[in-house]
C-alpha atoms as a PDB file:
ATOM      1  CA  MET A   1      79.613  56.878 -41.026  1.00  0.00           C
ATOM      2  CA  CYS A   2      80.642  53.215 -40.063  1.00  0.00           C
ATOM      3  CA  GLY A   3      84.089  51.819 -41.222  1.00  0.00           C
ATOM      4  CA  TRP A   4      83.884  48.836 -43.408  1.00  0.00           C
ATOM      5  CA  SER A   5      86.675  46.564 -44.525  1.00  0.00           C
ATOM      6  CA  ASN A   6      85.427  45.163 -48.057  1.00  0.00           C
ATOM      7  CA  GLY A   7      86.306  42.304 -50.137  1.00  0.00           C
ATOM      8  CA  SER A   8      84.661  40.068 -52.300  1.00  0.00           C
ATOM      9  CA  SER A   9      83.367  37.388 -49.656  1.00  0.00           C
ATOM     10  CA  ASN A  10      84.230  39.750 -46.775  1.00  0.00           C
ATOM     11  CA  ARG A  11      83.058  42.590 -44.454  1.00  0.00           C
ATOM     12  CA  SER A  12      83.411  43.527 -41.486  1.00  0.00           C
ATOM     13  CA  TYR A  13      83.012  46.557 -39.283  1.00  0.00           C
ATOM     14  CA  THR A  14      86.262  48.640 -38.336  1.00  0.00           C
ATOM     15  CA  SER A  15      84.917  51.150 -35.881  1.00  0.00           C
ATOM     16  CA  PHE A  16      82.214  50.944 -33.415  1.00  0.00           C
ATOM     17  CA  LEU A  17      79.801  52.437 -30.910  1.00  0.00           C
ATOM     18  CA  LEU A  18      80.482  52.322 -27.248  1.00  0.00           C
ATOM     19  CA  VAL A  19      77.159  51.834 -25.728  1.00  0.00           C
ATOM     20  CA  GLY A  20      77.518  51.629 -21.835  1.00  0.00           C
ATOM     21  CA  PHE A  21      74.304  50.793 -19.851  1.00  0.00           C
ATOM     22  CA  PRO A  22      71.843  50.658 -23.032  1.00  0.00           C
ATOM     23  CA  GLY A  23      68.769  50.504 -20.933  1.00  0.00           C
ATOM     24  CA  LEU A  24      69.547  53.948 -19.398  1.00  0.00           C
ATOM     25  CA  GLN A  25      69.412  55.707 -22.799  1.00  0.00           C
ATOM     26  CA  ASP A  26      67.478  58.718 -21.380  1.00  0.00           C
ATOM     27  CA  SER A  27      69.413  58.938 -17.769  1.00  0.00           C
ATOM     28  CA  ARG A  28      73.078  57.999 -18.981  1.00  0.00           C
ATOM     29  CA  ALA A  29      74.287  61.365 -18.394  1.00  0.00           C
ATOM     30  CA  LEU A  30      73.411  61.197 -15.061  1.00  0.00           C
ATOM     31  CA  LEU A  31      75.875  58.345 -14.255  1.00  0.00           C
ATOM     32  CA  VAL A  32      78.613  60.672 -14.991  1.00  0.00           C
ATOM     33  CA  LEU A  33      78.732  62.341 -11.914  1.00  0.00           C
ATOM     34  CA  PRO A  34      79.074  59.131  -9.822  1.00  0.00           C
ATOM     35  CA  PHE A  35      81.472  57.750 -11.788  1.00  0.00           C
ATOM     36  CA  LEU A  36      83.594  60.664 -11.991  1.00  0.00           C
ATOM     37  CA  GLY A  37      83.426  61.090  -8.466  1.00  0.00           C
ATOM     38  CA  LEU A  38      84.518  57.257  -7.814  1.00  0.00           C
ATOM     39  CA  TYR A  39      87.158  57.914 -10.525  1.00  0.00           C
ATOM     40  CA  LEU A  40      88.843  60.836  -8.546  1.00  0.00           C
ATOM     41  CA  VAL A  41      88.397  59.009  -5.083  1.00  0.00           C
ATOM     42  CA  ILE A  42      90.608  55.895  -6.608  1.00  0.00           C
ATOM     43  CA  LEU A  43      93.140  58.637  -7.933  1.00  0.00           C
ATOM     44  CA  SER A  44      93.479  60.195  -4.790  1.00  0.00           C
ATOM     45  CA  ALA A  45      93.511  57.371  -2.365  1.00  0.00           C
ATOM     46  CA  ASN A  46      95.934  55.437  -4.829  1.00  0.00           C
ATOM     47  CA  ALA A  47      97.967  58.547  -5.389  1.00  0.00           C
ATOM     48  CA  LEU A  48      98.228  59.443  -1.560  1.00  0.00           C
ATOM     49  CA  VAL A  49      99.507  55.870  -0.329  1.00  0.00           C
ATOM     50  CA  ILE A  50     101.822  55.712  -3.125  1.00  0.00           C
ATOM     51  CA  HIS A  51     103.344  59.143  -2.347  1.00  0.00           C
ATOM     52  CA  THR A  52     103.850  58.225   1.161  1.00  0.00           C
ATOM     53  CA  VAL A  53     105.526  55.235   0.176  1.00  0.00           C
ATOM     54  CA  VAL A  54     108.315  56.820  -2.347  1.00  0.00           C
ATOM     55  CA  SER A  55     108.614  60.264  -0.069  1.00  0.00           C
ATOM     56  CA  GLN A  56     109.713  58.049   2.995  1.00  0.00           C
ATOM     57  CA  ARG A  57     113.087  56.820   2.710  1.00  0.00           C
ATOM     58  CA  SER A  58     112.194  54.187   5.583  1.00  0.00           C
ATOM     59  CA  LEU A  59     109.387  52.656   2.987  1.00  0.00           C
ATOM     60  CA  HIS A  60     111.968  51.790   0.422  1.00  0.00           C
ATOM     61  CA  GLN A  61     111.639  48.243   1.215  1.00  0.00           C
ATOM     62  CA  PRO A  62     110.449  45.237  -1.173  1.00  0.00           C
ATOM     63  CA  MET A  63     107.128  44.998   0.487  1.00  0.00           C
ATOM     64  CA  TYR A  64     106.133  48.653   0.602  1.00  0.00           C
ATOM     65  CA  LEU A  65     107.450  49.065  -3.105  1.00  0.00           C
ATOM     66  CA  LEU A  66     105.446  46.568  -4.181  1.00  0.00           C
ATOM     67  CA  ILE A  67     102.406  47.815  -2.503  1.00  0.00           C
ATOM     68  CA  ALA A  68     103.123  50.894  -4.150  1.00  0.00           C
ATOM     69  CA  LEU A  69     103.378  49.060  -7.686  1.00  0.00           C
ATOM     70  CA  LEU A  70      99.933  47.225  -6.903  1.00  0.00           C
ATOM     71  CA  LEU A  71      98.174  50.527  -6.383  1.00  0.00           C
ATOM     72  CA  ALA A  72      99.827  52.129  -9.388  1.00  0.00           C
ATOM     73  CA  VAL A  73      98.538  49.555 -11.736  1.00  0.00           C
ATOM     74  CA  ASN A  74      95.193  50.284  -9.986  1.00  0.00           C
ATOM     75  CA  ILE A  75      95.497  53.939 -11.044  1.00  0.00           C
ATOM     76  CA  CYS A  76      96.043  52.668 -14.593  1.00  0.00           C
ATOM     77  CA  ALA A  77      93.363  50.226 -14.734  1.00  0.00           C
ATOM     78  CA  ALA A  78      90.641  52.466 -13.602  1.00  0.00           C
ATOM     79  CA  THR A  79      92.305  54.863 -16.047  1.00  0.00           C
ATOM     80  CA  THR A  80      91.838  52.439 -18.860  1.00  0.00           C
ATOM     81  CA  VAL A  81      88.165  52.177 -17.907  1.00  0.00           C
ATOM     82  CA  VAL A  82      86.731  55.174 -16.524  1.00  0.00           C
ATOM     83  CA  PRO A  83      87.185  57.538 -19.300  1.00  0.00           C
ATOM     84  CA  PRO A  84      86.205  55.593 -22.285  1.00  0.00           C
ATOM     85  CA  MET A  85      82.918  54.773 -19.908  1.00  0.00           C
ATOM     86  CA  LEU A  86      82.513  58.515 -19.519  1.00  0.00           C
ATOM     87  CA  PHE A  87      82.688  58.999 -23.307  1.00  0.00           C
ATOM     88  CA  SER A  88      80.467  56.220 -23.851  1.00  0.00           C
ATOM     89  CA  PHE A  89      77.327  57.847 -22.071  1.00  0.00           C
ATOM     90  CA  SER A  90      77.819  60.375 -24.825  1.00  0.00           C
ATOM     91  CA  THR A  91      76.569  60.070 -28.431  1.00  0.00           C
ATOM     92  CA  HIS A  92      79.216  62.401 -29.813  1.00  0.00           C
ATOM     93  CA  PHE A  93      82.067  60.805 -28.100  1.00  0.00           C
ATOM     94  CA  ASN A  94      81.536  57.467 -28.090  1.00  0.00           C
ATOM     95  CA  ARG A  95      82.981  55.865 -31.411  1.00  0.00           C
ATOM     96  CA  ILE A  96      86.305  53.748 -31.258  1.00  0.00           C
ATOM     97  CA  SER A  97      88.161  52.154 -34.026  1.00  0.00           C
ATOM     98  CA  LEU A  98      88.619  48.299 -33.732  1.00  0.00           C
ATOM     99  CA  ALA A  99      92.444  49.024 -33.521  1.00  0.00           C
ATOM    100  CA  CYS A 100      91.855  50.942 -30.370  1.00  0.00           C
ATOM    101  CA  CYS A 101      89.305  48.669 -29.022  1.00  0.00           C
ATOM    102  CA  LEU A 102      91.732  46.102 -29.134  1.00  0.00           C
ATOM    103  CA  ILE A 103      94.325  48.054 -27.784  1.00  0.00           C
ATOM    104  CA  GLN A 104      91.882  48.763 -24.825  1.00  0.00           C
ATOM    105  CA  MET A 105      91.170  45.251 -24.704  1.00  0.00           C
ATOM    106  CA  PHE A 106      94.583  44.024 -24.139  1.00  0.00           C
ATOM    107  CA  CYS A 107      95.454  46.948 -21.513  1.00  0.00           C
ATOM    108  CA  ILE A 108      92.360  46.124 -19.487  1.00  0.00           C
ATOM    109  CA  TYR A 109      93.017  42.414 -19.111  1.00  0.00           C
ATOM    110  CA  PHE A 110      97.018  42.795 -18.908  1.00  0.00           C
ATOM    111  CA  LEU A 111      96.336  44.972 -16.072  1.00  0.00           C
ATOM    112  CA  ILE A 112      94.264  42.572 -14.421  1.00  0.00           C
ATOM    113  CA  VAL A 113      96.328  39.607 -14.904  1.00  0.00           C
ATOM    114  CA  PHE A 114      99.291  41.823 -13.857  1.00  0.00           C
ATOM    115  CA  ASP A 115      97.469  42.677 -10.513  1.00  0.00           C
ATOM    116  CA  CYS A 116      97.323  39.147  -9.645  1.00  0.00           C
ATOM    117  CA  ASN A 117     100.954  38.352 -10.672  1.00  0.00           C
ATOM    118  CA  ILE A 118     101.999  41.200  -8.484  1.00  0.00           C
ATOM    119  CA  LEU A 119     100.126  39.529  -5.550  1.00  0.00           C
ATOM    120  CA  LEU A 120     101.817  36.170  -6.092  1.00  0.00           C
ATOM    121  CA  VAL A 121     105.125  38.224  -5.945  1.00  0.00           C
ATOM    122  CA  MET A 122     104.075  39.688  -2.748  1.00  0.00           C
ATOM    123  CA  ALA A 123     103.336  36.316  -1.132  1.00  0.00           C
ATOM    124  CA  LEU A 124     107.090  35.019  -2.449  1.00  0.00           C
ATOM    125  CA  ASP A 125     108.349  38.258  -0.661  1.00  0.00           C
ATOM    126  CA  ARG A 126     106.371  37.776   2.322  1.00  0.00           C
ATOM    127  CA  TYR A 127     107.317  33.950   2.518  1.00  0.00           C
ATOM    128  CA  VAL A 128     111.071  34.837   2.583  1.00  0.00           C
ATOM    129  CA  ALA A 129     110.680  37.452   5.021  1.00  0.00           C
ATOM    130  CA  ILE A 130     108.731  35.001   7.759  1.00  0.00           C
ATOM    131  CA  CYS A 131     110.443  31.932   7.057  1.00  0.00           C
ATOM    132  CA  TYR A 132     113.771  32.825   6.581  1.00  0.00           C
ATOM    133  CA  PRO A 133     114.320  36.243   8.122  1.00  0.00           C
ATOM    134  CA  LEU A 134     118.089  36.085   8.807  1.00  0.00           C
ATOM    135  CA  ARG A 135     118.657  35.692   4.960  1.00  0.00           C
ATOM    136  CA  TYR A 136     116.045  37.765   3.887  1.00  0.00           C
ATOM    137  CA  PRO A 137     118.003  41.075   2.792  1.00  0.00           C
ATOM    138  CA  GLU A 138     120.743  39.106   0.832  1.00  0.00           C
ATOM    139  CA  ILE A 139     117.735  36.693  -0.768  1.00  0.00           C
ATOM    140  CA  VAL A 140     115.073  39.512  -1.702  1.00  0.00           C
ATOM    141  CA  THR A 141     117.552  42.148  -3.443  1.00  0.00           C
ATOM    142  CA  GLY A 142     116.594  45.297  -5.440  1.00  0.00           C
ATOM    143  CA  GLN A 143     118.000  43.222  -8.495  1.00  0.00           C
ATOM    144  CA  LEU A 144     115.920  39.861  -7.835  1.00  0.00           C
ATOM    145  CA  LEU A 145     112.733  42.397  -7.134  1.00  0.00           C
ATOM    146  CA  ALA A 146     113.224  43.542 -10.822  1.00  0.00           C
ATOM    147  CA  GLY A 147     113.405  40.359 -12.513  1.00  0.00           C
ATOM    148  CA  LEU A 148     110.151  39.347 -10.382  1.00  0.00           C
ATOM    149  CA  VAL A 149     108.407  42.104 -11.706  1.00  0.00           C
ATOM    150  CA  GLY A 150     109.449  41.738 -14.924  1.00  0.00           C
ATOM    151  CA  VAL A 151     108.385  38.038 -15.024  1.00  0.00           C
ATOM    152  CA  ALA A 152     105.184  38.825 -13.769  1.00  0.00           C
ATOM    153  CA  ALA A 153     104.710  41.520 -16.651  1.00  0.00           C
ATOM    154  CA  ALA A 154     105.889  38.851 -19.233  1.00  0.00           C
ATOM    155  CA  ARG A 155     103.559  36.467 -18.302  1.00  0.00           C
ATOM    156  CA  SER A 156     100.693  38.526 -18.179  1.00  0.00           C
ATOM    157  CA  THR A 157     101.582  39.595 -21.785  1.00  0.00           C
ATOM    158  CA  CYS A 158     101.822  35.744 -22.420  1.00  0.00           C
ATOM    159  CA  ILE A 159      98.116  35.144 -21.320  1.00  0.00           C
ATOM    160  CA  VAL A 160      96.593  38.036 -22.486  1.00  0.00           C
ATOM    161  CA  ALA A 161      98.174  38.101 -26.118  1.00  0.00           C
ATOM    162  CA  PRO A 162      96.497  35.174 -27.161  1.00  0.00           C
ATOM    163  CA  VAL A 163      93.047  36.118 -26.514  1.00  0.00           C
ATOM    164  CA  VAL A 164      93.469  39.541 -27.955  1.00  0.00           C
ATOM    165  CA  GLY A 165      95.387  38.179 -30.918  1.00  0.00           C
ATOM    166  CA  LEU A 166      92.591  35.623 -31.890  1.00  0.00           C
ATOM    167  CA  ALA A 167      89.854  38.394 -31.348  1.00  0.00           C
ATOM    168  CA  SER A 168      91.697  40.648 -34.084  1.00  0.00           C
ATOM    169  CA  ARG A 169      91.381  38.088 -36.719  1.00  0.00           C
ATOM    170  CA  VAL A 170      87.468  37.690 -36.280  1.00  0.00           C
ATOM    171  CA  ARG A 171      85.006  39.398 -38.771  1.00  0.00           C
ATOM    172  CA  PHE A 172      82.396  41.646 -37.023  1.00  0.00           C
ATOM    173  CA  CYS A 173      79.097  42.043 -39.432  1.00  0.00           C
ATOM    174  CA  ARG A 174      76.544  41.921 -37.077  1.00  0.00           C
ATOM    175  CA  SER A 175      76.250  45.278 -35.689  1.00  0.00           C
ATOM    176  CA  GLU A 176      78.579  48.255 -35.324  1.00  0.00           C
ATOM    177  CA  VAL A 177      77.060  49.152 -31.389  1.00  0.00           C
ATOM    178  CA  ILE A 178      79.096  47.518 -28.518  1.00  0.00           C
ATOM    179  CA  HIS A 179      76.604  47.279 -25.472  1.00  0.00           C
ATOM    180  CA  HIS A 180      79.367  47.721 -22.748  1.00  0.00           C
ATOM    181  CA  PHE A 181      81.184  50.851 -21.847  1.00  0.00           C
ATOM    182  CA  ALA A 182      84.596  49.276 -22.593  1.00  0.00           C
ATOM    183  CA  CYS A 183      85.875  46.799 -25.413  1.00  0.00           C
ATOM    184  CA  GLU A 184      85.123  43.751 -23.046  1.00  0.00           C
ATOM    185  CA  HIS A 185      85.852  40.248 -24.934  1.00  0.00           C
ATOM    186  CA  MET A 186      82.870  38.732 -24.842  1.00  0.00           C
ATOM    187  CA  ALA A 187      81.015  41.892 -25.700  1.00  0.00           C
ATOM    188  CA  LEU A 188      82.767  42.263 -28.770  1.00  0.00           C
ATOM    189  CA  MET A 189      82.924  38.708 -29.637  1.00  0.00           C
ATOM    190  CA  LYS A 190      78.959  39.136 -29.835  1.00  0.00           C
ATOM    191  CA  LEU A 191      79.443  40.968 -32.807  1.00  0.00           C
ATOM    192  CA  SER A 192      81.212  38.405 -34.750  1.00  0.00           C
ATOM    193  CA  CYS A 193      79.621  36.660 -37.723  1.00  0.00           C
ATOM    194  CA  GLY A 194      82.186  33.444 -38.121  1.00  0.00           C
ATOM    195  CA  ASP A 195      82.958  30.586 -35.946  1.00  0.00           C
ATOM    196  CA  ILE A 196      84.733  31.811 -32.518  1.00  0.00           C
ATOM    197  CA  SER A 197      84.521  28.518 -30.775  1.00  0.00           C
ATOM    198  CA  LEU A 198      88.369  28.626 -30.822  1.00  0.00           C
ATOM    199  CA  ASN A 199      87.934  32.120 -29.211  1.00  0.00           C
ATOM    200  CA  LYS A 200      85.433  31.067 -26.624  1.00  0.00           C
ATOM    201  CA  THR A 201      87.609  27.958 -25.368  1.00  0.00           C
ATOM    202  CA  VAL A 202      90.854  29.797 -25.481  1.00  0.00           C
ATOM    203  CA  GLY A 203      89.314  32.712 -23.424  1.00  0.00           C
ATOM    204  CA  LEU A 204      88.132  30.186 -20.843  1.00  0.00           C
ATOM    205  CA  THR A 205      90.887  27.862 -20.550  1.00  0.00           C
ATOM    206  CA  VAL A 206      93.430  30.846 -19.759  1.00  0.00           C
ATOM    207  CA  ARG A 207      91.271  32.404 -17.372  1.00  0.00           C
ATOM    208  CA  ILE A 208      90.272  28.843 -15.679  1.00  0.00           C
ATOM    209  CA  PHE A 209      94.210  27.807 -15.855  1.00  0.00           C
ATOM    210  CA  ASN A 210      95.560  30.906 -14.627  1.00  0.00           C
ATOM    211  CA  ARG A 211      93.003  31.459 -11.740  1.00  0.00           C
ATOM    212  CA  VAL A 212      93.620  28.028 -10.456  1.00  0.00           C
ATOM    213  CA  LEU A 213      97.309  27.733 -10.542  1.00  0.00           C
ATOM    214  CA  ASP A 214      97.575  31.311  -9.026  1.00  0.00           C
ATOM    215  CA  MET A 215      95.053  30.016  -6.056  1.00  0.00           C
ATOM    216  CA  LEU A 216      97.313  26.860  -5.932  1.00  0.00           C
ATOM    217  CA  LEU A 217     100.384  29.069  -5.678  1.00  0.00           C
ATOM    218  CA  LEU A 218      98.939  31.760  -3.001  1.00  0.00           C
ATOM    219  CA  GLY A 219      97.068  29.071  -0.969  1.00  0.00           C
ATOM    220  CA  ALA A 220     100.697  27.322  -0.813  1.00  0.00           C
ATOM    221  CA  SER A 221     102.692  30.225   0.041  1.00  0.00           C
ATOM    222  CA  TYR A 222     100.300  31.834   2.772  1.00  0.00           C
ATOM    223  CA  SER A 223     100.048  28.278   4.422  1.00  0.00           C
ATOM    224  CA  ARG A 224     103.433  27.880   4.960  1.00  0.00           C
ATOM    225  CA  ILE A 225     103.475  31.692   5.979  1.00  0.00           C
ATOM    226  CA  ILE A 226     100.980  31.462   8.599  1.00  0.00           C
ATOM    227  CA  HIS A 227     102.270  28.235  10.046  1.00  0.00           C
ATOM    228  CA  ALA A 228     105.877  30.125  10.293  1.00  0.00           C
ATOM    229  CA  ALA A 229     104.288  33.103  11.491  1.00  0.00           C
ATOM    230  CA  PHE A 230     102.801  30.956  14.560  1.00  0.00           C
ATOM    231  CA  ARG A 231     106.107  29.504  15.655  1.00  0.00           C
ATOM    232  CA  ILE A 232     107.623  32.748  16.196  1.00  0.00           C
ATOM    233  CA  SER A 233     108.472  32.838  19.591  1.00  0.00           C
ATOM    234  CA  SER A 234     107.859  37.243  19.925  1.00  0.00           C
ATOM    235  CA  GLY A 235     104.409  37.862  20.450  1.00  0.00           C
ATOM    236  CA  GLY A 236     104.958  41.299  19.013  1.00  0.00           C
ATOM    237  CA  ALA A 237     106.713  39.729  15.784  1.00  0.00           C
ATOM    238  CA  ARG A 238     104.124  37.366  15.177  1.00  0.00           C
ATOM    239  CA  SER A 239     101.148  39.539  15.716  1.00  0.00           C
ATOM    240  CA  LYS A 240     103.089  42.112  13.237  1.00  0.00           C
ATOM    241  CA  ALA A 241     103.556  39.150  10.698  1.00  0.00           C
ATOM    242  CA  LEU A 242     100.081  37.757  11.193  1.00  0.00           C
ATOM    243  CA  ASN A 243      98.486  41.597  10.494  1.00  0.00           C
ATOM    244  CA  THR A 244     100.610  41.839   7.427  1.00  0.00           C
ATOM    245  CA  CYS A 245      99.635  38.679   5.913  1.00  0.00           C
ATOM    246  CA  GLY A 246      95.885  39.699   6.693  1.00  0.00           C
ATOM    247  CA  SER A 247      96.261  42.699   5.044  1.00  0.00           C
ATOM    248  CA  HIS A 248      97.346  40.552   1.872  1.00  0.00           C
ATOM    249  CA  LEU A 249      94.849  38.289   2.191  1.00  0.00           C
ATOM    250  CA  LEU A 250      92.056  40.820   2.100  1.00  0.00           C
ATOM    251  CA  VAL A 251      93.551  42.363  -1.051  1.00  0.00           C
ATOM    252  CA  ILE A 252      93.840  38.766  -2.459  1.00  0.00           C
ATOM    253  CA  PHE A 253      90.178  38.306  -1.585  1.00  0.00           C
ATOM    254  CA  THR A 254      89.065  41.085  -3.006  1.00  0.00           C
ATOM    255  CA  VAL A 255      90.621  40.949  -6.104  1.00  0.00           C
ATOM    256  CA  TYR A 256      89.853  37.125  -6.809  1.00  0.00           C
ATOM    257  CA  SER A 257      86.181  37.047  -5.371  1.00  0.00           C
ATOM    258  CA  SER A 258      85.097  40.168  -7.330  1.00  0.00           C
ATOM    259  CA  THR A 259      86.612  38.592 -10.839  1.00  0.00           C
ATOM    260  CA  MET A 260      84.974  34.919 -10.006  1.00  0.00           C
ATOM    261  CA  SER A 261      81.876  36.348  -8.867  1.00  0.00           C
ATOM    262  CA  SER A 262      81.427  38.562 -12.250  1.00  0.00           C
ATOM    263  CA  SER A 263      82.093  35.391 -14.044  1.00  0.00           C
ATOM    264  CA  ILE A 264      80.034  33.085 -12.413  1.00  0.00           C
ATOM    265  CA  VAL A 265      77.111  35.502 -13.057  1.00  0.00           C
ATOM    266  CA  TYR A 266      77.798  36.301 -16.219  1.00  0.00           C
ATOM    267  CA  ARG A 267      77.407  32.545 -17.211  1.00  0.00           C
ATOM    268  CA  MET A 268      74.374  31.823 -14.890  1.00  0.00           C
ATOM    269  CA  ALA A 269      72.104  34.840 -14.979  1.00  0.00           C
ATOM    270  CA  ARG A 270      71.580  34.464 -18.763  1.00  0.00           C
ATOM    271  CA  THR A 271      68.095  36.236 -18.404  1.00  0.00           C
ATOM    272  CA  ALA A 272      69.685  39.291 -16.742  1.00  0.00           C
ATOM    273  CA  SER A 273      69.863  42.157 -18.673  1.00  0.00           C
ATOM    274  CA  GLN A 274      72.797  44.063 -20.214  1.00  0.00           C
ATOM    275  CA  ASP A 275      72.598  46.694 -17.627  1.00  0.00           C
ATOM    276  CA  VAL A 276      73.523  44.273 -14.827  1.00  0.00           C
ATOM    277  CA  HIS A 277      76.184  42.674 -16.785  1.00  0.00           C
ATOM    278  CA  ASN A 278      77.470  45.854 -17.309  1.00  0.00           C
ATOM    279  CA  LEU A 279      77.454  47.017 -13.748  1.00  0.00           C
ATOM    280  CA  LEU A 280      79.007  43.539 -12.651  1.00  0.00           C
ATOM    281  CA  SER A 281      81.898  44.320 -14.913  1.00  0.00           C
ATOM    282  CA  ALA A 282      82.221  47.766 -13.411  1.00  0.00           C
ATOM    283  CA  PHE A 283      82.303  46.571 -10.130  1.00  0.00           C
ATOM    284  CA  TYR A 284      84.888  44.249 -10.691  1.00  0.00           C
ATOM    285  CA  LEU A 285      87.147  46.174 -12.331  1.00  0.00           C
ATOM    286  CA  LEU A 286      86.616  49.479  -9.878  1.00  0.00           C
ATOM    287  CA  VAL A 287      86.168  47.663  -6.574  1.00  0.00           C
ATOM    288  CA  PRO A 288      89.584  46.346  -6.172  1.00  0.00           C
ATOM    289  CA  CYS A 289      90.918  49.962  -6.943  1.00  0.00           C
ATOM    290  CA  LEU A 290      88.942  51.693  -4.441  1.00  0.00           C
ATOM    291  CA  VAL A 291      89.113  48.991  -1.288  1.00  0.00           C
ATOM    292  CA  ASN A 292      93.230  48.283  -1.863  1.00  0.00           C
ATOM    293  CA  PRO A 293      94.532  51.626  -1.142  1.00  0.00           C
ATOM    294  CA  ILE A 294      92.076  51.637   2.309  1.00  0.00           C
ATOM    295  CA  ILE A 295      93.023  48.081   2.963  1.00  0.00           C
ATOM    296  CA  TYR A 296      97.093  49.291   2.831  1.00  0.00           C
ATOM    297  CA  GLY A 297      96.479  52.596   4.269  1.00  0.00           C
ATOM    298  CA  ALA A 298      94.335  51.303   7.444  1.00  0.00           C
ATOM    299  CA  ARG A 299      96.359  47.732   8.201  1.00  0.00           C
ATOM    300  CA  THR A 300     100.026  48.658   7.560  1.00  0.00           C
ATOM    301  CA  LYS A 301     101.159  50.406  10.596  1.00  0.00           C
ATOM    302  CA  GLU A 302     104.382  52.017   8.878  1.00  0.00           C
ATOM    303  CA  ILE A 303     102.401  53.548   6.111  1.00  0.00           C
ATOM    304  CA  ARG A 304      99.192  54.641   8.468  1.00  0.00           C
ATOM    305  CA  GLN A 305     101.814  56.328  10.905  1.00  0.00           C
ATOM    306  CA  HIS A 306     103.228  58.580   7.765  1.00  0.00           C
ATOM    307  CA  LEU A 307      99.492  59.266   6.396  1.00  0.00           C
ATOM    308  CA  ALA A 308      98.741  60.702  10.245  1.00  0.00           C
ATOM    309  CA  THR A 309     101.759  62.495  10.131  1.00  0.00           C
ATOM    310  CA  LEU A 310     101.228  63.868   6.733  1.00  0.00           C
ATOM    311  CA  PHE A 311      97.296  65.133   7.627  1.00  0.00           C
ATOM    312  CA  GLN A 312      98.690  66.593  10.698  1.00  0.00           C
ATOM    313  CA  ARG A 313     101.606  68.587   9.020  1.00  0.00           C
ATOM    314  CA  THR A 314      98.917  69.540   6.227  1.00  0.00           C
ATOM    315  CA  GLU A 315      96.191  70.877   9.176  1.00  0.00           C
ATOM    316  CA  GLN A 316      99.290  72.834  10.676  1.00  0.00           C
ATOM    317  CA  GLN A 317     100.026  74.540   7.521  1.00  0.00           C
ATOM    318  CA  VAL A 318      96.538  75.409   6.574  1.00  0.00           C
ATOM    319  CA  PRO A 319      95.921  78.870   7.778  1.00  0.00           C
ATOM    320  CA  THR A 320      92.340  79.956   8.942  1.00  0.00           C
ATOM    321  CA  LYS A 321      90.815  83.089   8.787  1.00  0.00           C
ATOM    322  CA  LYS A 322      89.699  82.912  12.463  1.00  0.00           C
ATOM    323  CA  PHE A 323      93.654  83.108  13.674  1.00  0.00           C
ATOM    324  CA  GLN A 324      94.624  85.398  10.815  1.00  0.00           C
ATOM    325  CA  PHE A 325      93.685  88.592  13.092  1.00  0.00           C
ATOM    326  CA  LEU A 326      94.977  87.415  16.336  1.00  0.00           C
ATOM    327  CA  PRO A 327      98.419  88.517  17.426  1.00  0.00           C
ATOM    328  CA  SER A 328     101.719  86.352  17.156  1.00  0.00           C
ATOM    329  CA  HIS A 329     102.964  84.495  19.714  1.00  0.00           C
ATOM    330  CA  ARG A 330     105.747  87.128  20.817  1.00  0.00           C
ATOM    331  CA  GLU A 331     103.299  89.806  20.895  1.00  0.00           C
ATOM    332  CA  LEU A 332     101.139  88.013  23.492  1.00  0.00           C
ATOM    333  CA  PRO A 333     101.386  89.459  27.053  1.00  0.00           C
ATOM    334  CA  GLY A 334     102.747  87.713  29.531  1.00  0.00           C
END
């Protein structure tokens, strides 16, 4: 039975049914395997790079620690989205309370914004490393790094909290069915029966202001970084600096292009089905989580070398039946 909040002039649903991809009612069970497989790949790829950074003392430097933090946020974001999505494909486990819905909404948007803020901290770290290399160790200390991450988390909270706070004050009486695999803001607002113009205005303003400000800061930082990198006299150092910046810029492009393309299509393609919009939401939420560890694992030389060493050790430690019956090295003749 659905939950209601009753009053003399007020009534509102307090629990909802998540129906991901409503146009595929008879085939939703078939989506479990590909999304579960994608989730496991995301967990494995990100965890592998994080393990490499944590286990290798030579990688305990600000840039690599920030990469590990970024990938940890990717794991949290995928975990916030995919398990509820898989439950939404079932008719037995797809009910969610309003409180849990708002918590999930906060977590999703917080992790998205926090991800972008970590990219800003990484840009600042590279700016100091390339523009002021001699003073880098005394400027970028562990204490400063922890403070910047704390500021990034606080900024993310301040950006997301007003949107979720306003959503918690809305009455939802149109329907108890959310046509989405997660508690996405606009999907929930479609169920409201009051004036939500303030919610829409605040949500759009926060998103535009945050994106524009981030792009300006990132553009200013990396333009200075690239300019300084080309002035490095050593060819090897210049190539390393540009390669590192290239990896960061690829990640930035992946994160921002997926988010912006989803927002543009959502507002432009009004005639598209709900399934298409949901697929785009899954795209912009999960693709960065999948691509980021591949970029950093393949393009960052130090991480790539340690990963190669790890794989070589794994191959050497795995015994094969082919050699189990051969005599040991000491028993071989000659």
